[in-house]
């Protein structure tokens, strides 16, 4: 799928992705961390996935313990409409649990930063 088609299909993702890409390419930190000094809910996911790709599970878990689960949930969410109804319910439950876990992790991280 071409990039332009992907952005038309998922317009809601286009602006946050563009902001993130701008910060990434300029070497600036996460936009939320830059603006508030607090980590965002997904701070460390990119580093965690890169560490996992290198085979460094320990480093991956240190960067963000839910990185793989968040990534899989995002991929599932993009394909949710194509699934059968029973699979949609299971996938929605997995996504909900992942978001709840990430919220708890984020609140713990913010509490530790304050």
PDB file of N, CA and C in Angstrom:
ATOM      1  N   UNK A   1       0.837  -1.172   0.000  1.00  0.00           N
ATOM      2  CA  UNK A   1       0.000   0.000   0.000  1.00  0.00           C
ATOM      3  C   UNK A   1       0.888   1.242   0.000  1.00  0.00           C
ATOM      4  N   UNK A   2       0.582   2.159  -0.867  1.00  0.00           N
ATOM      5  CA  UNK A   2       1.379   3.379  -0.959  1.00  0.00           C
ATOM      6  C   UNK A   2       1.116   4.280   0.232  1.00  0.00           C
ATOM      7  N   UNK A   3       2.086   5.091   0.565  1.00  0.00           N
ATOM      8  CA  UNK A   3       2.012   5.966   1.731  1.00  0.00           C
ATOM      9  C   UNK A   3       0.833   6.926   1.639  1.00  0.00           C
ATOM     10  N   UNK A   4       0.605   7.493   0.473  1.00  0.00           N
ATOM     11  CA  UNK A   4      -0.486   8.450   0.299  1.00  0.00           C
ATOM     12  C   UNK A   4      -1.837   7.775   0.561  1.00  0.00           C
ATOM     13  N   UNK A   5      -1.999   6.549   0.061  1.00  0.00           N
ATOM     14  CA  UNK A   5      -3.231   5.795   0.284  1.00  0.00           C
ATOM     15  C   UNK A   5      -3.403   5.489   1.762  1.00  0.00           C
ATOM     16  N   UNK A   6      -2.320   5.123   2.416  1.00  0.00           N
ATOM     17  CA  UNK A   6      -2.366   4.815   3.838  1.00  0.00           C
ATOM     18  C   UNK A   6      -2.794   6.033   4.647  1.00  0.00           C
ATOM     19  N   UNK A   7      -2.263   7.213   4.317  1.00  0.00           N
ATOM     20  CA  UNK A   7      -2.628   8.428   5.041  1.00  0.00           C
ATOM     21  C   UNK A   7      -4.075   8.834   4.774  1.00  0.00           C
ATOM     22  N   UNK A   8      -4.569   8.607   3.550  1.00  0.00           N
ATOM     23  CA  UNK A   8      -5.973   8.904   3.266  1.00  0.00           C
ATOM     24  C   UNK A   8      -6.877   7.975   4.068  1.00  0.00           C
ATOM     25  N   UNK A   9      -6.466   6.720   4.173  1.00  0.00           N
ATOM     26  CA  UNK A   9      -7.276   5.732   4.868  1.00  0.00           C
ATOM     27  C   UNK A   9      -7.275   5.974   6.372  1.00  0.00           C
ATOM     28  N   UNK A  10      -6.162   6.411   6.912  1.00  0.00           N
ATOM     29  CA  UNK A  10      -6.033   6.608   8.353  1.00  0.00           C
ATOM     30  C   UNK A  10      -5.676   8.062   8.656  1.00  0.00           C
ATOM     31  N   UNK A  11      -6.534   8.981   8.258  1.00  0.00           N
ATOM     32  CA  UNK A  11      -6.249  10.417   8.422  1.00  0.00           C
ATOM     33  C   UNK A  11      -6.052  10.806   9.869  1.00  0.00           C
ATOM     34  N   UNK A  12      -6.723  10.128  10.768  1.00  0.00           N
ATOM     35  CA  UNK A  12      -6.625  10.467  12.174  1.00  0.00           C
ATOM     36  C   UNK A  12      -5.195  10.262  12.692  1.00  0.00           C
ATOM     37  N   UNK A  13      -4.442   9.373  12.044  1.00  0.00           N
ATOM     38  CA  UNK A  13      -3.068   9.103  12.448  1.00  0.00           C
ATOM     39  C   UNK A  13      -2.069  10.053  11.795  1.00  0.00           C
ATOM     40  N   UNK A  14      -2.489  10.766  10.766  1.00  0.00           N
ATOM     41  CA  UNK A  14      -1.550  11.548   9.964  1.00  0.00           C
ATOM     42  C   UNK A  14      -0.888  12.681  10.747  1.00  0.00           C
ATOM     43  N   UNK A  15      -1.658  13.489  11.476  1.00  0.00           N
ATOM     44  CA  UNK A  15      -1.068  14.617  12.188  1.00  0.00           C
ATOM     45  C   UNK A  15      -0.150  14.172  13.325  1.00  0.00           C
ATOM     46  N   UNK A  16      -0.596  13.257  14.221  1.00  0.00           N
ATOM     47  CA  UNK A  16       0.347  12.806  15.260  1.00  0.00           C
ATOM     48  C   UNK A  16       1.598  12.167  14.670  1.00  0.00           C
ATOM     49  N   UNK A  17       1.446  11.416  13.592  1.00  0.00           N
ATOM     50  CA  UNK A  17       2.607  10.781  12.961  1.00  0.00           C
ATOM     51  C   UNK A  17       3.540  11.841  12.386  1.00  0.00           C
ATOM     52  N   UNK A  18       2.977  12.894  11.790  1.00  0.00           N
ATOM     53  CA  UNK A  18       3.804  13.960  11.214  1.00  0.00           C
ATOM     54  C   UNK A  18       4.554  14.711  12.311  1.00  0.00           C
ATOM     55  N   UNK A  19       3.881  14.971  13.429  1.00  0.00           N
ATOM     56  CA  UNK A  19       4.540  15.661  14.550  1.00  0.00           C
ATOM     57  C   UNK A  19       5.658  14.796  15.103  1.00  0.00           C
ATOM     58  N   UNK A  20       5.356  13.513  15.297  1.00  0.00           N
ATOM     59  CA  UNK A  20       6.380  12.594  15.821  1.00  0.00           C
ATOM     60  C   UNK A  20       7.564  12.526  14.863  1.00  0.00           C
ATOM     61  N   UNK A  21       7.287  12.433  13.566  1.00  0.00           N
ATOM     62  CA  UNK A  21       8.352  12.346  12.572  1.00  0.00           C
ATOM     63  C   UNK A  21       9.208  13.614  12.583  1.00  0.00           C
ATOM     64  N   UNK A  22       8.577  14.770  12.716  1.00  0.00           N
ATOM     65  CA  UNK A  22       9.315  16.030  12.791  1.00  0.00           C
ATOM     66  C   UNK A  22      10.253  16.032  13.992  1.00  0.00           C
ATOM     67  N   UNK A  23       9.755  15.621  15.145  1.00  0.00           N
ATOM     68  CA  UNK A  23      10.593  15.575  16.342  1.00  0.00           C
ATOM     69  C   UNK A  23      11.703  14.543  16.187  1.00  0.00           C
ATOM     70  N   UNK A  24      11.366  13.390  15.607  1.00  0.00           N
ATOM     71  CA  UNK A  24      12.349  12.317  15.433  1.00  0.00           C
ATOM     72  C   UNK A  24      13.475  12.748  14.496  1.00  0.00           C
ATOM     73  N   UNK A  25      13.119  13.355  13.366  1.00  0.00           N
ATOM     74  CA  UNK A  25      14.126  13.744  12.378  1.00  0.00           C
ATOM     75  C   UNK A  25      15.012  14.888  12.857  1.00  0.00           C
ATOM     76  N   UNK A  26      14.468  15.751  13.705  1.00  0.00           N
ATOM     77  CA  UNK A  26      15.266  16.865  14.205  1.00  0.00           C
ATOM     78  C   UNK A  26      16.057  16.496  15.457  1.00  0.00           C
ATOM     79  N   UNK A  27      15.839  15.295  15.972  1.00  0.00           N
ATOM     80  CA  UNK A  27      16.576  14.846  17.157  1.00  0.00           C
ATOM     81  C   UNK A  27      16.002  15.354  18.462  1.00  0.00           C
ATOM     82  N   UNK A  28      14.817  15.977  18.403  1.00  0.00           N
ATOM     83  CA  UNK A  28      14.172  16.451  19.626  1.00  0.00           C
ATOM     84  C   UNK A  28      13.530  15.265  20.351  1.00  0.00           C
ATOM     85  N   UNK A  29      13.322  15.379  21.660  1.00  0.00           N
ATOM     86  CA  UNK A  29      12.663  14.295  22.383  1.00  0.00           C
ATOM     87  C   UNK A  29      11.171  14.241  22.062  1.00  0.00           C
ATOM     88  N   UNK A  30      10.489  13.343  22.687  1.00  0.00           N
ATOM     89  CA  UNK A  30       9.041  13.179  22.534  1.00  0.00           C
ATOM     90  C   UNK A  30       8.344  14.528  22.721  1.00  0.00           C
ATOM     91  N   UNK A  31       7.346  14.869  21.876  1.00  0.00           N
ATOM     92  CA  UNK A  31       6.674  16.169  21.989  1.00  0.00           C
ATOM     93  C   UNK A  31       6.060  16.419  23.371  1.00  0.00           C
ATOM     94  N   UNK A  32       5.438  15.411  23.971  1.00  0.00           N
ATOM     95  CA  UNK A  32       4.845  15.595  25.286  1.00  0.00           C
ATOM     96  C   UNK A  32       5.920  15.821  26.345  1.00  0.00           C
ATOM     97  N   UNK A  33       6.982  15.046  26.280  1.00  0.00           N
ATOM     98  CA  UNK A  33       8.078  15.216  27.240  1.00  0.00           C
ATOM     99  C   UNK A  33       8.738  16.584  27.037  1.00  0.00           C
ATOM    100  N   UNK A  34       8.864  16.999  25.786  1.00  0.00           N
ATOM    101  CA  UNK A  34       9.466  18.290  25.475  1.00  0.00           C
ATOM    102  C   UNK A  34       8.613  19.430  26.041  1.00  0.00           C
ATOM    103  N   UNK A  35       7.292  19.300  25.922  1.00  0.00           N
ATOM    104  CA  UNK A  35       6.391  20.371  26.354  1.00  0.00           C
ATOM    105  C   UNK A  35       6.157  20.381  27.866  1.00  0.00           C
ATOM    106  N   UNK A  36       6.085  19.190  28.479  1.00  0.00           N
ATOM    107  CA  UNK A  36       5.699  19.135  29.891  1.00  0.00           C
ATOM    108  C   UNK A  36       6.795  18.613  30.815  1.00  0.00           C
ATOM    109  N   UNK A  37       7.770  17.931  30.248  1.00  0.00           N
ATOM    110  CA  UNK A  37       8.799  17.311  31.075  1.00  0.00           C
ATOM    111  C   UNK A  37       8.410  15.938  31.581  1.00  0.00           C
ATOM    112  N   UNK A  38       7.186  15.519  31.283  1.00  0.00           N
ATOM    113  CA  UNK A  38       6.700  14.206  31.702  1.00  0.00           C
ATOM    114  C   UNK A  38       6.749  13.230  30.528  1.00  0.00           C
ATOM    115  N   UNK A  39       6.984  11.951  30.792  1.00  0.00           N
ATOM    116  CA  UNK A  39       7.002  10.973  29.709  1.00  0.00           C
ATOM    117  C   UNK A  39       5.594  10.741  29.158  1.00  0.00           C
ATOM    118  N   UNK A  40       5.505  10.470  27.871  1.00  0.00           N
ATOM    119  CA  UNK A  40       4.201  10.153  27.290  1.00  0.00           C
ATOM    120  C   UNK A  40       3.891   8.676  27.553  1.00  0.00           C
ATOM    121  N   UNK A  41       2.654   8.237  27.314  1.00  0.00           N
ATOM    122  CA  UNK A  41       2.303   6.848  27.589  1.00  0.00           C
ATOM    123  C   UNK A  41       3.122   5.825  26.803  1.00  0.00           C
ATOM    124  N   UNK A  42       3.666   6.225  25.680  1.00  0.00           N
ATOM    125  CA  UNK A  42       4.429   5.263  24.879  1.00  0.00           C
ATOM    126  C   UNK A  42       5.909   5.609  24.772  1.00  0.00           C
ATOM    127  N   UNK A  43       6.401   6.481  25.646  1.00  0.00           N
ATOM    128  CA  UNK A  43       7.829   6.799  25.633  1.00  0.00           C
ATOM    129  C   UNK A  43       8.643   5.522  25.825  1.00  0.00           C
ATOM    130  N   UNK A  44       9.565   5.279  24.926  1.00  0.00           N
ATOM    131  CA  UNK A  44      10.431   4.116  25.031  1.00  0.00           C
ATOM    132  C   UNK A  44      10.049   2.954  24.142  1.00  0.00           C
ATOM    133  N   UNK A  45       8.877   3.016  23.494  1.00  0.00           N
ATOM    134  CA  UNK A  45       8.435   1.886  22.669  1.00  0.00           C
ATOM    135  C   UNK A  45       9.364   1.675  21.474  1.00  0.00           C
ATOM    136  N   UNK A  46       9.772   2.747  20.805  1.00  0.00           N
ATOM    137  CA  UNK A  46      10.665   2.599  19.650  1.00  0.00           C
ATOM    138  C   UNK A  46      11.994   1.982  20.071  1.00  0.00           C
ATOM    139  N   UNK A  47      12.574   2.499  21.147  1.00  0.00           N
ATOM    140  CA  UNK A  47      13.836   1.935  21.647  1.00  0.00           C
ATOM    141  C   UNK A  47      13.659   0.481  22.074  1.00  0.00           C
ATOM    142  N   UNK A  48      12.517   0.166  22.681  1.00  0.00           N
ATOM    143  CA  UNK A  48      12.250  -1.204  23.121  1.00  0.00           C
ATOM    144  C   UNK A  48      12.144  -2.155  21.927  1.00  0.00           C
ATOM    145  N   UNK A  49      11.466  -1.716  20.870  1.00  0.00           N
ATOM    146  CA  UNK A  49      11.330  -2.574  19.683  1.00  0.00           C
ATOM    147  C   UNK A  49      12.668  -2.750  18.967  1.00  0.00           C
ATOM    148  N   UNK A  50      13.472  -1.689  18.934  1.00  0.00           N
ATOM    149  CA  UNK A  50      14.798  -1.814  18.323  1.00  0.00           C
ATOM    150  C   UNK A  50      15.676  -2.771  19.129  1.00  0.00           C
ATOM    151  N   UNK A  51      15.599  -2.692  20.458  1.00  0.00           N
ATOM    152  CA  UNK A  51      16.362  -3.613  21.307  1.00  0.00           C
ATOM    153  C   UNK A  51      15.880  -5.044  21.109  1.00  0.00           C
ATOM    154  N   UNK A  52      14.579  -5.219  20.963  1.00  0.00           N
ATOM    155  CA  UNK A  52      14.028  -6.551  20.725  1.00  0.00           C
ATOM    156  C   UNK A  52      14.485  -7.094  19.378  1.00  0.00           C
ATOM    157  N   UNK A  53      14.556  -6.222  18.374  1.00  0.00           N
ATOM    158  CA  UNK A  53      15.038  -6.641  17.051  1.00  0.00           C
ATOM    159  C   UNK A  53      16.498  -7.074  17.100  1.00  0.00           C
ATOM    160  N   UNK A  54      17.274  -6.483  18.010  1.00  0.00           N
ATOM    161  CA  UNK A  54      18.673  -6.890  18.192  1.00  0.00           C
ATOM    162  C   UNK A  54      18.791  -8.148  19.038  1.00  0.00           C
ATOM    163  N   UNK A  55      17.674  -8.578  19.632  1.00  0.00           N
ATOM    164  CA  UNK A  55      17.691  -9.766  20.475  1.00  0.00           C
ATOM    165  C   UNK A  55      17.981  -9.473  21.931  1.00  0.00           C
ATOM    166  N   UNK A  56      17.944  -8.206  22.307  1.00  0.00           N
ATOM    167  CA  UNK A  56      18.244  -7.804  23.678  1.00  0.00           C
ATOM    168  C   UNK A  56      16.933  -7.643  24.453  1.00  0.00           C
ATOM    169  N   UNK A  57      16.424  -8.748  24.980  1.00  0.00           N
ATOM    170  CA  UNK A  57      15.147  -8.744  25.685  1.00  0.00           C
ATOM    171  C   UNK A  57      15.204  -7.907  26.957  1.00  0.00           C
ATOM    172  N   UNK A  58      16.294  -7.973  27.677  1.00  0.00           N
ATOM    173  CA  UNK A  58      16.432  -7.215  28.923  1.00  0.00           C
ATOM    174  C   UNK A  58      16.342  -5.702  28.667  1.00  0.00           C
ATOM    175  N   UNK A  59      17.076  -5.224  27.672  1.00  0.00           N
ATOM    176  CA  UNK A  59      17.040  -3.796  27.327  1.00  0.00           C
ATOM    177  C   UNK A  59      15.643  -3.396  26.851  1.00  0.00           C
ATOM    178  N   UNK A  60      15.004  -4.267  26.078  1.00  0.00           N
ATOM    179  CA  UNK A  60      13.658  -3.998  25.588  1.00  0.00           C
ATOM    180  C   UNK A  60      12.686  -3.825  26.746  1.00  0.00           C
ATOM    181  N   UNK A  61      12.747  -4.700  27.716  1.00  0.00           N
ATOM    182  CA  UNK A  61      11.855  -4.612  28.867  1.00  0.00           C
ATOM    183  C   UNK A  61      12.159  -3.390  29.723  1.00  0.00           C
ATOM    184  N   UNK A  62      13.414  -2.978  29.757  1.00  0.00           N
ATOM    185  CA  UNK A  62      13.777  -1.772  30.519  1.00  0.00           C
ATOM    186  C   UNK A  62      13.241  -0.510  29.851  1.00  0.00           C
ATOM    187  N   UNK A  63      13.260  -0.466  28.531  1.00  0.00           N
ATOM    188  CA  UNK A  63      12.778   0.732  27.815  1.00  0.00           C
ATOM    189  C   UNK A  63      11.263   0.879  27.948  1.00  0.00           C
ATOM    190  N   UNK A  64      10.532  -0.184  27.698  1.00  0.00           N
ATOM    191  CA  UNK A  64       9.074  -0.180  27.839  1.00  0.00           C
ATOM    192  C   UNK A  64       8.598  -1.629  27.846  1.00  0.00           C
ATOM    193  N   UNK A  65       8.129  -2.123  28.994  1.00  0.00           N
ATOM    194  CA  UNK A  65       7.769  -3.535  29.098  1.00  0.00           C
ATOM    195  C   UNK A  65       6.561  -3.949  28.261  1.00  0.00           C
ATOM    196  N   UNK A  66       5.765  -3.006  27.807  1.00  0.00           N
ATOM    197  CA  UNK A  66       4.573  -3.343  27.023  1.00  0.00           C
ATOM    198  C   UNK A  66       4.745  -3.057  25.533  1.00  0.00           C
ATOM    199  N   UNK A  67       5.946  -2.824  25.078  1.00  0.00           N
ATOM    200  CA  UNK A  67       6.170  -2.403  23.687  1.00  0.00           C
ATOM    201  C   UNK A  67       5.619  -3.401  22.677  1.00  0.00           C
ATOM    202  N   UNK A  68       5.940  -4.658  22.837  1.00  0.00           N
ATOM    203  CA  UNK A  68       5.488  -5.660  21.874  1.00  0.00           C
ATOM    204  C   UNK A  68       3.970  -5.799  21.916  1.00  0.00           C
ATOM    205  N   UNK A  69       3.406  -5.802  23.105  1.00  0.00           N
ATOM    206  CA  UNK A  69       1.959  -5.921  23.253  1.00  0.00           C
ATOM    207  C   UNK A  69       1.241  -4.710  22.663  1.00  0.00           C
ATOM    208  N   UNK A  70       1.777  -3.512  22.869  1.00  0.00           N
ATOM    209  CA  UNK A  70       1.181  -2.306  22.288  1.00  0.00           C
ATOM    210  C   UNK A  70       1.246  -2.330  20.765  1.00  0.00           C
ATOM    211  N   UNK A  71       2.361  -2.775  20.228  1.00  0.00           N
ATOM    212  CA  UNK A  71       2.524  -2.843  18.777  1.00  0.00           C
ATOM    213  C   UNK A  71       1.555  -3.844  18.166  1.00  0.00           C
ATOM    214  N   UNK A  72       1.458  -5.020  18.776  1.00  0.00           N
ATOM    215  CA  UNK A  72       0.523  -6.032  18.274  1.00  0.00           C
ATOM    216  C   UNK A  72      -0.920  -5.540  18.365  1.00  0.00           C
ATOM    217  N   UNK A  73      -1.255  -4.853  19.439  1.00  0.00           N
ATOM    218  CA  UNK A  73      -2.609  -4.312  19.587  1.00  0.00           C
ATOM    219  C   UNK A  73      -2.911  -3.253  18.529  1.00  0.00           C
ATOM    220  N   UNK A  74      -1.921  -2.425  18.214  1.00  0.00           N
ATOM    221  CA  UNK A  74      -2.116  -1.407  17.170  1.00  0.00           C
ATOM    222  C   UNK A  74      -2.341  -2.054  15.805  1.00  0.00           C
ATOM    223  N   UNK A  75      -1.575  -3.084  15.503  1.00  0.00           N
ATOM    224  CA  UNK A  75      -1.747  -3.793  14.228  1.00  0.00           C
ATOM    225  C   UNK A  75      -3.121  -4.457  14.181  1.00  0.00           C
ATOM    226  N   UNK A  76      -3.530  -5.082  15.272  1.00  0.00           N
ATOM    227  CA  UNK A  76      -4.851  -5.716  15.330  1.00  0.00           C
ATOM    228  C   UNK A  76      -5.945  -4.671  15.172  1.00  0.00           C
ATOM    229  N   UNK A  77      -5.795  -3.512  15.820  1.00  0.00           N
ATOM    230  CA  UNK A  77      -6.803  -2.457  15.733  1.00  0.00           C
ATOM    231  C   UNK A  77      -6.976  -1.960  14.299  1.00  0.00           C
ATOM    232  N   UNK A  78      -5.887  -1.896  13.544  1.00  0.00           N
ATOM    233  CA  UNK A  78      -5.980  -1.460  12.145  1.00  0.00           C
ATOM    234  C   UNK A  78      -6.732  -2.455  11.281  1.00  0.00           C
ATOM    235  N   UNK A  79      -6.753  -3.721  11.686  1.00  0.00           N
ATOM    236  CA  UNK A  79      -7.409  -4.769  10.884  1.00  0.00           C
ATOM    237  C   UNK A  79      -8.669  -5.311  11.550  1.00  0.00           C
ATOM    238  N   UNK A  80      -9.193  -4.617  12.533  1.00  0.00           N
ATOM    239  CA  UNK A  80     -10.329  -5.097  13.311  1.00  0.00           C
ATOM    240  C   UNK A  80     -11.579  -5.302  12.457  1.00  0.00           C
ATOM    241  N   UNK A  81     -11.838  -4.412  11.527  1.00  0.00           N
ATOM    242  CA  UNK A  81     -13.056  -4.522  10.694  1.00  0.00           C
ATOM    243  C   UNK A  81     -13.045  -5.743   9.774  1.00  0.00           C
ATOM    244  N   UNK A  82     -11.884  -6.239   9.456  1.00  0.00           N
ATOM    245  CA  UNK A  82     -11.787  -7.389   8.550  1.00  0.00           C
ATOM    246  C   UNK A  82     -11.989  -8.729   9.258  1.00  0.00           C
ATOM    247  N   UNK A  83     -12.050  -8.698  10.581  1.00  0.00           N
ATOM    248  CA  UNK A  83     -12.153  -9.939  11.354  1.00  0.00           C
ATOM    249  C   UNK A  83     -13.594 -10.396  11.480  1.00  0.00           C
ATOM    250  N   UNK A  84     -13.750 -11.677  11.800  1.00  0.00           N
ATOM    251  CA  UNK A  84     -15.073 -12.226  12.088  1.00  0.00           C
ATOM    252  C   UNK A  84     -15.554 -11.657  13.412  1.00  0.00           C
ATOM    253  N   UNK A  85     -16.876 -11.624  13.627  1.00  0.00           N
ATOM    254  CA  UNK A  85     -17.410 -11.030  14.856  1.00  0.00           C
ATOM    255  C   UNK A  85     -16.841 -11.634  16.146  1.00  0.00           C
ATOM    256  N   UNK A  86     -16.682 -12.934  16.203  1.00  0.00           N
ATOM    257  CA  UNK A  86     -16.136 -13.560  17.413  1.00  0.00           C
ATOM    258  C   UNK A  86     -14.685 -13.135  17.633  1.00  0.00           C
ATOM    259  N   UNK A  87     -13.928 -13.062  16.559  1.00  0.00           N
ATOM    260  CA  UNK A  87     -12.532 -12.622  16.655  1.00  0.00           C
ATOM    261  C   UNK A  87     -12.457 -11.148  17.012  1.00  0.00           C
ATOM    262  N   UNK A  88     -13.428 -10.357  16.539  1.00  0.00           N
ATOM    263  CA  UNK A  88     -13.460  -8.931  16.876  1.00  0.00           C
ATOM    264  C   UNK A  88     -13.627  -8.724  18.376  1.00  0.00           C
ATOM    265  N   UNK A  89     -14.479  -9.536  18.998  1.00  0.00           N
ATOM    266  CA  UNK A  89     -14.693  -9.407  20.441  1.00  0.00           C
ATOM    267  C   UNK A  89     -13.419  -9.738  21.209  1.00  0.00           C
ATOM    268  N   UNK A  90     -12.756 -10.812  20.818  1.00  0.00           N
ATOM    269  CA  UNK A  90     -11.508 -11.200  21.483  1.00  0.00           C
ATOM    270  C   UNK A  90     -10.428 -10.142  21.265  1.00  0.00           C
ATOM    271  N   UNK A  91     -10.348  -9.628  20.041  1.00  0.00           N
ATOM    272  CA  UNK A  91      -9.343  -8.598  19.729  1.00  0.00           C
ATOM    273  C   UNK A  91      -9.632  -7.316  20.491  1.00  0.00           C
ATOM    274  N   UNK A  92     -10.909  -6.932  20.581  1.00  0.00           N
ATOM    275  CA  UNK A  92     -11.274  -5.730  21.319  1.00  0.00           C
ATOM    276  C   UNK A  92     -10.939  -5.886  22.804  1.00  0.00           C
ATOM    277  N   UNK A  93     -11.129  -7.076  23.347  1.00  0.00           N
ATOM    278  CA  UNK A  93     -10.766  -7.334  24.738  1.00  0.00           C
ATOM    279  C   UNK A  93      -9.258  -7.209  24.933  1.00  0.00           C
ATOM    280  N   UNK A  94      -8.486  -7.783  24.008  1.00  0.00           N
ATOM    281  CA  UNK A  94      -7.018  -7.680  24.084  1.00  0.00           C
ATOM    282  C   UNK A  94      -6.566  -6.218  24.012  1.00  0.00           C
ATOM    283  N   UNK A  95      -7.153  -5.465  23.109  1.00  0.00           N
ATOM    284  CA  UNK A  95      -6.795  -4.051  22.961  1.00  0.00           C
ATOM    285  C   UNK A  95      -7.169  -3.273  24.223  1.00  0.00           C
ATOM    286  N   UNK A  96      -8.340  -3.538  24.770  1.00  0.00           N
ATOM    287  CA  UNK A  96      -8.766  -2.865  25.991  1.00  0.00           C
ATOM    288  C   UNK A  96      -7.858  -3.165  27.173  1.00  0.00           C
ATOM    289  N   UNK A  97      -7.486  -4.433  27.332  1.00  0.00           N
ATOM    290  CA  UNK A  97      -6.586  -4.824  28.416  1.00  0.00           C
ATOM    291  C   UNK A  97      -5.218  -4.172  28.226  1.00  0.00           C
ATOM    292  N   UNK A  98      -4.740  -4.144  26.997  1.00  0.00           N
ATOM    293  CA  UNK A  98      -3.443  -3.517  26.712  1.00  0.00           C
ATOM    294  C   UNK A  98      -3.466  -2.026  27.045  1.00  0.00           C
ATOM    295  N   UNK A  99      -4.530  -1.341  26.657  1.00  0.00           N
ATOM    296  CA  UNK A  99      -4.633   0.089  26.953  1.00  0.00           C
ATOM    297  C   UNK A  99      -4.746   0.344  28.450  1.00  0.00           C
ATOM    298  N   UNK A 100      -5.461  -0.522  29.156  1.00  0.00           N
ATOM    299  CA  UNK A 100      -5.554  -0.388  30.610  1.00  0.00           C
ATOM    300  C   UNK A 100      -4.186  -0.605  31.263  1.00  0.00           C
ATOM    301  N   UNK A 101      -3.479  -1.646  30.833  1.00  0.00           N
ATOM    302  CA  UNK A 101      -2.131  -1.900  31.360  1.00  0.00           C
ATOM    303  C   UNK A 101      -1.201  -0.721  31.083  1.00  0.00           C
ATOM    304  N   UNK A 102      -1.278  -0.180  29.867  1.00  0.00           N
ATOM    305  CA  UNK A 102      -0.418   0.940  29.514  1.00  0.00           C
ATOM    306  C   UNK A 102      -0.760   2.181  30.327  1.00  0.00           C
ATOM    307  N   UNK A 103      -2.046   2.397  30.611  1.00  0.00           N
ATOM    308  CA  UNK A 103      -2.458   3.530  31.425  1.00  0.00           C
ATOM    309  C   UNK A 103      -1.910   3.415  32.843  1.00  0.00           C
ATOM    310  N   UNK A 104      -2.003   2.218  33.416  1.00  0.00           N
ATOM    311  CA  UNK A 104      -1.463   1.993  34.755  1.00  0.00           C
ATOM    312  C   UNK A 104       0.053   2.204  34.746  1.00  0.00           C
ATOM    313  N   UNK A 105       0.726   1.654  33.740  1.00  0.00           N
ATOM    314  CA  UNK A 105       2.179   1.828  33.629  1.00  0.00           C
ATOM    315  C   UNK A 105       2.536   3.306  33.493  1.00  0.00           C
ATOM    316  N   UNK A 106       1.767   4.046  32.689  1.00  0.00           N
ATOM    317  CA  UNK A 106       2.006   5.473  32.496  1.00  0.00           C
ATOM    318  C   UNK A 106       1.838   6.234  33.806  1.00  0.00           C
ATOM    319  N   UNK A 107       0.777   5.942  34.548  1.00  0.00           N
ATOM    320  CA  UNK A 107       0.548   6.640  35.816  1.00  0.00           C
ATOM    321  C   UNK A 107       1.662   6.345  36.823  1.00  0.00           C
ATOM    322  N   UNK A 108       2.131   5.113  36.850  1.00  0.00           N
ATOM    323  CA  UNK A 108       3.251   4.774  37.723  1.00  0.00           C
ATOM    324  C   UNK A 108       4.517   5.514  37.312  1.00  0.00           C
ATOM    325  N   UNK A 109       4.720   5.620  36.005  1.00  0.00           N
ATOM    326  CA  UNK A 109       5.896   6.312  35.476  1.00  0.00           C
ATOM    327  C   UNK A 109       5.851   7.808  35.789  1.00  0.00           C
ATOM    328  N   UNK A 110       4.677   8.406  35.645  1.00  0.00           N
ATOM    329  CA  UNK A 110       4.519   9.830  35.950  1.00  0.00           C
ATOM    330  C   UNK A 110       4.702  10.068  37.451  1.00  0.00           C
ATOM    331  N   UNK A 111       4.136   9.171  38.273  1.00  0.00           N
ATOM    332  CA  UNK A 111       4.280   9.311  39.722  1.00  0.00           C
ATOM    333  C   UNK A 111       5.759   9.236  40.125  1.00  0.00           C
ATOM    334  N   UNK A 112       6.512   8.397  39.440  1.00  0.00           N
ATOM    335  CA  UNK A 112       7.939   8.281  39.747  1.00  0.00           C
ATOM    336  C   UNK A 112       8.712   9.508  39.263  1.00  0.00           C
ATOM    337  N   UNK A 113       8.219  10.171  38.217  1.00  0.00           N
ATOM    338  CA  UNK A 113       8.916  11.333  37.658  1.00  0.00           C
ATOM    339  C   UNK A 113       8.659  12.599  38.472  1.00  0.00           C
ATOM    340  N   UNK A 114       7.562  12.617  39.196  1.00  0.00           N
ATOM    341  CA  UNK A 114       7.192  13.837  39.956  1.00  0.00           C
ATOM    342  C   UNK A 114       7.949  13.907  41.261  1.00  0.00           C
TER     343      UNK A 114
END
